[in-house]
Protein backbone atom coordinates (compact mmCIF):
# COMPACT_ATOMS: atom_id res chain seq x y z
CA MET A 1 -15.49 -73.50 -143.65
CA GLN A 2 -14.89 -74.26 -139.90
CA ILE A 3 -17.39 -74.34 -137.25
CA ARG A 4 -17.12 -74.14 -133.17
CA THR A 5 -19.48 -73.52 -130.57
CA PHE A 6 -18.07 -71.75 -127.62
CA ALA A 7 -21.21 -72.72 -125.42
CA SER A 8 -24.64 -74.02 -126.24
CA GLY A 9 -27.36 -74.06 -123.73
CA SER A 10 -29.73 -71.91 -121.45
CA SER A 11 -26.65 -70.44 -119.71
CA GLY A 12 -25.08 -69.23 -122.91
CA ASN A 13 -24.80 -69.46 -126.85
CA CYS A 14 -22.00 -68.45 -129.05
CA THR A 15 -20.95 -69.97 -132.30
CA LEU A 16 -18.00 -69.13 -134.72
CA PHE A 17 -18.00 -69.60 -138.41
CA LYS A 18 -14.55 -69.16 -140.00
CA SER A 19 -13.55 -69.30 -143.58
CA GLY A 20 -9.69 -68.53 -144.21
CA GLU A 21 -8.97 -65.22 -142.58
CA GLU A 22 -12.53 -64.11 -142.09
CA ALA A 23 -15.02 -64.99 -139.20
CA VAL A 24 -18.26 -64.23 -137.90
CA LEU A 25 -20.07 -65.10 -134.62
CA VAL A 26 -23.56 -66.07 -134.10
CA ASP A 27 -24.82 -64.77 -130.78
CA ALA A 28 -22.78 -63.59 -127.64
CA GLY A 29 -24.45 -65.03 -124.78
CA ILE A 30 -21.31 -65.71 -122.67
CA SER A 31 -18.90 -63.13 -121.13
CA ALA A 32 -16.67 -61.06 -123.41
CA LYS A 33 -13.68 -62.63 -121.85
CA ARG A 34 -15.09 -66.09 -122.63
CA ILE A 35 -15.84 -64.86 -126.09
CA ALA A 36 -12.14 -63.64 -126.44
CA GLU A 37 -10.80 -66.80 -125.28
CA GLY A 38 -12.73 -68.79 -127.73
CA LEU A 39 -11.54 -66.57 -130.64
CA ASP A 40 -8.06 -66.88 -129.50
CA LEU A 41 -8.54 -70.72 -129.47
CA SER A 42 -9.71 -70.54 -133.01
CA GLY A 43 -6.98 -68.14 -134.22
CA VAL A 44 -9.12 -65.22 -134.79
CA LYS A 45 -8.31 -61.76 -133.45
CA PRO A 46 -11.58 -60.25 -131.83
CA GLY A 47 -11.26 -56.85 -133.47
CA ASN A 48 -10.95 -58.78 -136.97
CA LEU A 49 -14.38 -60.33 -136.91
CA SER A 50 -16.28 -59.51 -139.80
CA GLY A 51 -19.48 -59.01 -137.76
CA ILE A 52 -22.06 -60.80 -135.10
CA LEU A 53 -25.17 -62.08 -135.99
CA ILE A 54 -27.82 -61.98 -133.06
CA THR A 55 -30.67 -64.59 -133.31
CA HIS A 56 -32.74 -62.76 -130.28
CA GLU A 57 -32.43 -60.69 -127.21
CA HIS A 58 -32.94 -63.38 -124.46
CA VAL A 59 -30.12 -63.01 -122.02
CA ASP A 60 -28.35 -66.43 -123.17
CA HIS A 61 -27.74 -65.05 -126.44
CA ILE A 62 -26.41 -61.57 -125.71
CA SER A 63 -25.17 -61.34 -122.18
CA GLY A 64 -21.71 -60.69 -123.22
CA LEU A 65 -22.43 -58.53 -126.14
CA LYS A 66 -22.31 -54.95 -124.48
CA VAL A 67 -19.18 -55.51 -122.87
CA PHE A 68 -17.52 -57.12 -126.09
CA LEU A 69 -18.84 -54.22 -128.33
CA LYS A 70 -17.01 -51.75 -125.91
CA HIS A 71 -13.63 -53.26 -126.45
CA TYR A 72 -14.25 -54.38 -130.12
CA PRO A 73 -16.72 -52.31 -131.93
CA VAL A 74 -17.60 -54.77 -134.86
CA PRO A 75 -20.72 -54.53 -136.98
CA VAL A 76 -23.79 -56.35 -135.48
CA TYR A 77 -26.58 -57.78 -137.63
CA THR A 78 -30.13 -58.75 -136.14
CA ALA A 79 -33.88 -57.78 -136.63
CA HIS A 80 -35.28 -54.45 -135.85
CA GLY A 81 -37.08 -55.62 -132.64
CA THR A 82 -34.01 -57.52 -131.37
CA ALA A 83 -31.89 -54.46 -131.69
CA ARG A 84 -34.36 -52.22 -129.94
CA ALA A 85 -34.60 -54.58 -126.95
CA PHE A 86 -30.65 -54.80 -126.74
CA LEU A 87 -30.11 -50.84 -126.98
CA HIS A 88 -33.05 -50.24 -124.46
CA SER A 89 -31.39 -52.69 -121.97
CA ALA A 90 -27.82 -51.66 -122.73
CA GLY A 91 -28.30 -48.24 -121.39
CA PRO A 92 -25.76 -45.28 -122.27
CA GLY A 93 -23.12 -46.16 -124.81
CA ASP A 94 -22.63 -45.61 -128.48
CA PHE A 95 -24.02 -48.99 -129.90
CA ALA A 96 -26.62 -47.99 -132.21
CA SER A 97 -24.16 -46.88 -135.06
CA LEU A 98 -22.86 -50.56 -134.86
CA PHE A 99 -26.23 -52.26 -135.62
CA HIS A 100 -27.59 -53.28 -138.98
CA GLU A 101 -31.27 -54.17 -139.42
CA VAL A 102 -32.11 -57.61 -140.75
CA LYS A 103 -35.59 -58.30 -142.07
CA ALA A 104 -36.76 -62.06 -141.98
CA GLY A 105 -36.13 -63.62 -145.47
CA GLU A 106 -33.30 -61.05 -146.33
CA SER A 107 -30.18 -61.84 -147.73
CA PHE A 108 -27.30 -59.81 -146.94
CA SER A 109 -23.37 -59.73 -146.93
CA VAL A 110 -21.09 -59.90 -143.85
CA GLY A 111 -17.44 -59.38 -144.88
CA SER A 112 -17.08 -61.95 -147.78
CA PHE A 113 -19.78 -64.29 -146.40
CA SER A 114 -23.39 -64.32 -147.72
CA VAL A 115 -26.04 -64.66 -145.15
CA ASP A 116 -29.75 -65.50 -145.41
CA SER A 117 -32.09 -64.98 -142.53
CA PHE A 118 -35.41 -66.82 -141.64
CA SER A 119 -37.99 -66.20 -138.91
CA VAL A 120 -38.41 -68.79 -136.21
CA SER A 121 -41.34 -69.14 -133.73
CA HIS A 122 -40.14 -68.23 -130.39
CA ASP A 123 -41.21 -65.99 -127.41
CA ALA A 124 -38.95 -63.10 -128.16
CA ALA A 125 -39.30 -59.80 -130.14
CA ASP A 126 -38.24 -60.70 -133.63
CA PRO A 127 -36.19 -64.13 -133.47
CA LEU A 128 -34.18 -64.94 -136.52
CA SER A 129 -32.07 -68.07 -137.64
CA TYR A 130 -29.34 -67.78 -140.18
CA LYS A 131 -27.70 -69.73 -143.04
CA ILE A 132 -24.04 -68.71 -143.90
CA HIS A 133 -22.11 -69.23 -147.22
CA ASP A 134 -18.56 -68.78 -147.74
CA GLY A 135 -18.61 -69.30 -151.54
CA GLU A 136 -18.03 -73.13 -151.25
CA ARG A 137 -19.80 -74.26 -148.16
CA THR A 138 -23.29 -73.52 -146.55
CA ALA A 139 -23.96 -73.90 -142.82
CA ALA A 140 -27.14 -73.22 -140.75
CA LEU A 141 -27.99 -72.49 -137.30
CA MET A 142 -31.36 -72.98 -136.11
CA THR A 143 -32.32 -72.95 -132.49
CA ASP A 144 -34.80 -71.47 -130.12
CA LEU A 145 -37.90 -72.53 -131.99
CA GLY A 146 -41.00 -74.26 -130.65
CA VAL A 147 -42.30 -75.54 -133.95
CA PHE A 148 -41.10 -76.06 -137.48
CA THR A 149 -42.87 -76.17 -141.12
CA GLU A 150 -41.95 -77.16 -144.47
CA ALA A 151 -40.64 -73.79 -144.95
CA HIS A 152 -38.12 -74.26 -142.29
CA SER A 153 -37.07 -77.66 -143.96
CA ALA A 154 -36.94 -75.64 -147.42
CA PHE A 155 -34.47 -73.04 -145.69
CA LEU A 156 -32.36 -75.73 -144.65
CA LYS A 157 -32.37 -77.60 -147.87
CA ASP A 158 -28.82 -78.81 -149.08
CA VAL A 159 -26.76 -77.27 -146.41
CA ASP A 160 -23.36 -78.76 -145.74
CA ALA A 161 -23.65 -78.28 -141.95
CA LEU A 162 -26.54 -77.64 -139.49
CA ILE A 163 -26.37 -76.67 -135.89
CA LEU A 164 -29.93 -77.85 -134.80
CA GLU A 165 -31.93 -77.28 -131.30
CA ALA A 166 -32.37 -80.54 -129.53
CA ASN A 167 -33.62 -78.85 -126.37
CA HIS A 168 -35.44 -81.45 -124.15
CA ASP A 169 -36.83 -84.95 -123.73
CA ILE A 170 -40.72 -84.50 -123.33
CA ARG A 171 -40.68 -87.02 -120.47
CA MET A 172 -38.03 -85.55 -118.40
CA LEU A 173 -39.66 -82.10 -118.74
CA GLU A 174 -43.10 -83.35 -117.79
CA THR A 175 -41.93 -85.24 -114.84
CA GLY A 176 -39.15 -82.78 -113.84
CA PRO A 177 -39.06 -80.08 -111.38
CA TYR A 178 -39.88 -77.09 -113.46
CA PRO A 179 -43.17 -75.22 -112.67
CA TYR A 180 -46.01 -75.96 -114.58
CA ALA A 181 -46.25 -72.45 -116.64
CA LEU A 182 -42.69 -72.98 -117.66
CA LYS A 183 -43.18 -76.42 -118.89
CA ARG A 184 -46.18 -75.20 -121.04
CA ARG A 185 -43.87 -72.31 -122.46
CA ILE A 186 -41.25 -74.77 -123.42
CA LEU A 187 -43.67 -77.28 -125.05
CA SER A 188 -45.53 -74.46 -126.90
CA ASP A 189 -45.06 -73.40 -130.39
CA PHE A 190 -43.06 -70.44 -129.13
CA GLY A 191 -40.75 -72.60 -126.77
CA HIS A 192 -37.96 -75.01 -127.88
CA LEU A 193 -37.67 -78.00 -129.98
CA SER A 194 -37.86 -81.33 -128.43
CA ASN A 195 -35.51 -84.26 -129.18
CA GLU A 196 -38.04 -85.89 -131.42
CA ASN A 197 -38.99 -82.81 -133.32
CA ALA A 198 -35.23 -82.19 -133.91
CA GLY A 199 -35.06 -85.67 -135.41
CA LYS A 200 -38.16 -85.03 -137.76
CA LEU A 201 -36.59 -81.79 -138.98
CA LEU A 202 -33.19 -83.31 -139.43
CA LEU A 203 -34.83 -86.01 -141.45
CA SER A 204 -36.72 -83.62 -143.60
CA VAL A 205 -33.41 -82.18 -144.83
CA LEU A 206 -31.16 -85.27 -144.87
CA HIS A 207 -28.99 -85.35 -148.00
CA PRO A 208 -25.75 -87.29 -149.02
CA GLY A 209 -23.94 -83.96 -148.76
CA LEU A 210 -24.63 -83.23 -145.35
CA LYS A 211 -21.36 -83.40 -143.42
CA LEU A 212 -22.29 -82.42 -139.94
CA CYS A 213 -25.25 -81.94 -137.51
CA LEU A 214 -24.54 -80.66 -134.40
CA LEU A 215 -27.42 -80.83 -131.77
CA ALA A 216 -27.40 -77.63 -129.66
CA HIS A 217 -29.24 -75.87 -126.86
CA LEU A 218 -29.72 -79.09 -124.93
CA SER A 219 -31.40 -78.38 -121.40
CA GLU A 220 -29.27 -79.32 -118.42
CA GLU A 221 -32.40 -80.29 -116.24
CA ASN A 222 -34.42 -82.06 -119.01
CA ASN A 223 -31.97 -83.64 -121.46
CA LEU A 224 -28.79 -85.75 -121.62
CA PRO A 225 -26.45 -85.68 -124.51
CA GLU A 226 -26.85 -89.42 -125.09
CA LEU A 227 -30.62 -89.34 -124.98
CA ALA A 228 -30.61 -86.41 -127.39
CA LEU A 229 -28.35 -88.30 -129.86
CA LEU A 230 -30.48 -91.54 -129.45
CA SER A 231 -33.78 -89.93 -129.93
CA VAL A 232 -32.62 -87.96 -132.96
CA ARG A 233 -31.06 -91.30 -134.55
CA ASN A 234 -34.18 -93.27 -133.87
CA GLU A 235 -36.40 -90.70 -135.70
CA ILE A 236 -34.12 -91.28 -138.82
CA ASP A 237 -33.54 -95.05 -138.47
CA LEU A 238 -37.20 -95.96 -137.81
CA SER A 239 -38.72 -93.57 -140.35
CA GLY A 240 -38.64 -95.96 -143.19
CA SER A 241 -36.96 -93.46 -145.46
CA GLY A 242 -33.95 -95.39 -146.25
CA PHE A 243 -31.57 -92.95 -144.51
CA ARG A 244 -29.56 -94.50 -141.83
CA SER A 245 -28.07 -92.08 -138.99
CA SER A 246 -24.92 -93.99 -138.85
CA GLU A 247 -23.98 -92.70 -142.27
CA TYR A 248 -23.85 -89.04 -140.86
CA LYS A 249 -21.87 -87.09 -138.27
CA ILE A 250 -24.33 -86.30 -135.68
CA GLU A 251 -22.96 -84.84 -132.34
CA THR A 252 -23.96 -82.73 -129.37
CA ALA A 253 -22.68 -79.32 -128.76
CA PRO A 254 -20.99 -78.88 -125.25
CA ARG A 255 -23.15 -76.69 -122.91
CA SER A 256 -20.28 -74.53 -121.46
CA THR A 257 -17.18 -75.28 -123.06
CA PRO A 258 -15.69 -74.94 -126.71
CA SER A 259 -16.49 -77.85 -129.02
CA PRO A 260 -13.76 -79.14 -131.33
CA MET A 261 -13.15 -77.30 -134.55
CA TYR A 262 -15.30 -78.97 -137.29
CA ASP A 263 -14.20 -78.54 -140.77
CA ILE A 264 -16.89 -79.00 -143.53
């Protein structure tokens, strides 16, 4: 399996999962033009996508979806509440027939991929995370969650690759320019995962076969890539667990440009 983020952050999110000639996207939060450019860079024809998985309806996850579907009417998989919110905002257009409802905890097929879904805690209609299998490898994407539990760790157990939110440094957020209400939202159980909590979640699922952890959805105002990496690595190295972060490939996803293509 190959993985590439086209963008990752509050200004847009879109991630490619590719296996052989098949590919799926998770989210379409950048322009249709940029999505098409990312696909071309990755050797994928837009109309040949097996499908698009949508995590939730916030604009940084769906902003390019309407225009993309007008040009390339590929199947879309998402929760009922997310589909309803998108179709309401999209206005006229024959999009409803493209949507396939996903229930949290459900497993389903997208082309030759097998996908598992899981509910996350975020202030959206019906947010989901996804785990994608191609028959040999398993990759998961878990972003936009305010809190994690043992159930989240169990969902991510034994994955080969993990795209994980490390949204903010708590001290930068607390002392930064955001309004108090927005700070409270981000720090709440329905907000975003801090660097420290990303490290704790990663620590809970570490195993020798984990080939990649890509820290994602970093805040431009309340985080720095080097700080996210340091914080996550410290959570592992200072835990007393015996795991060493240096033994794992841990990197940050670029905010607004495509990442390298990762082979797992």
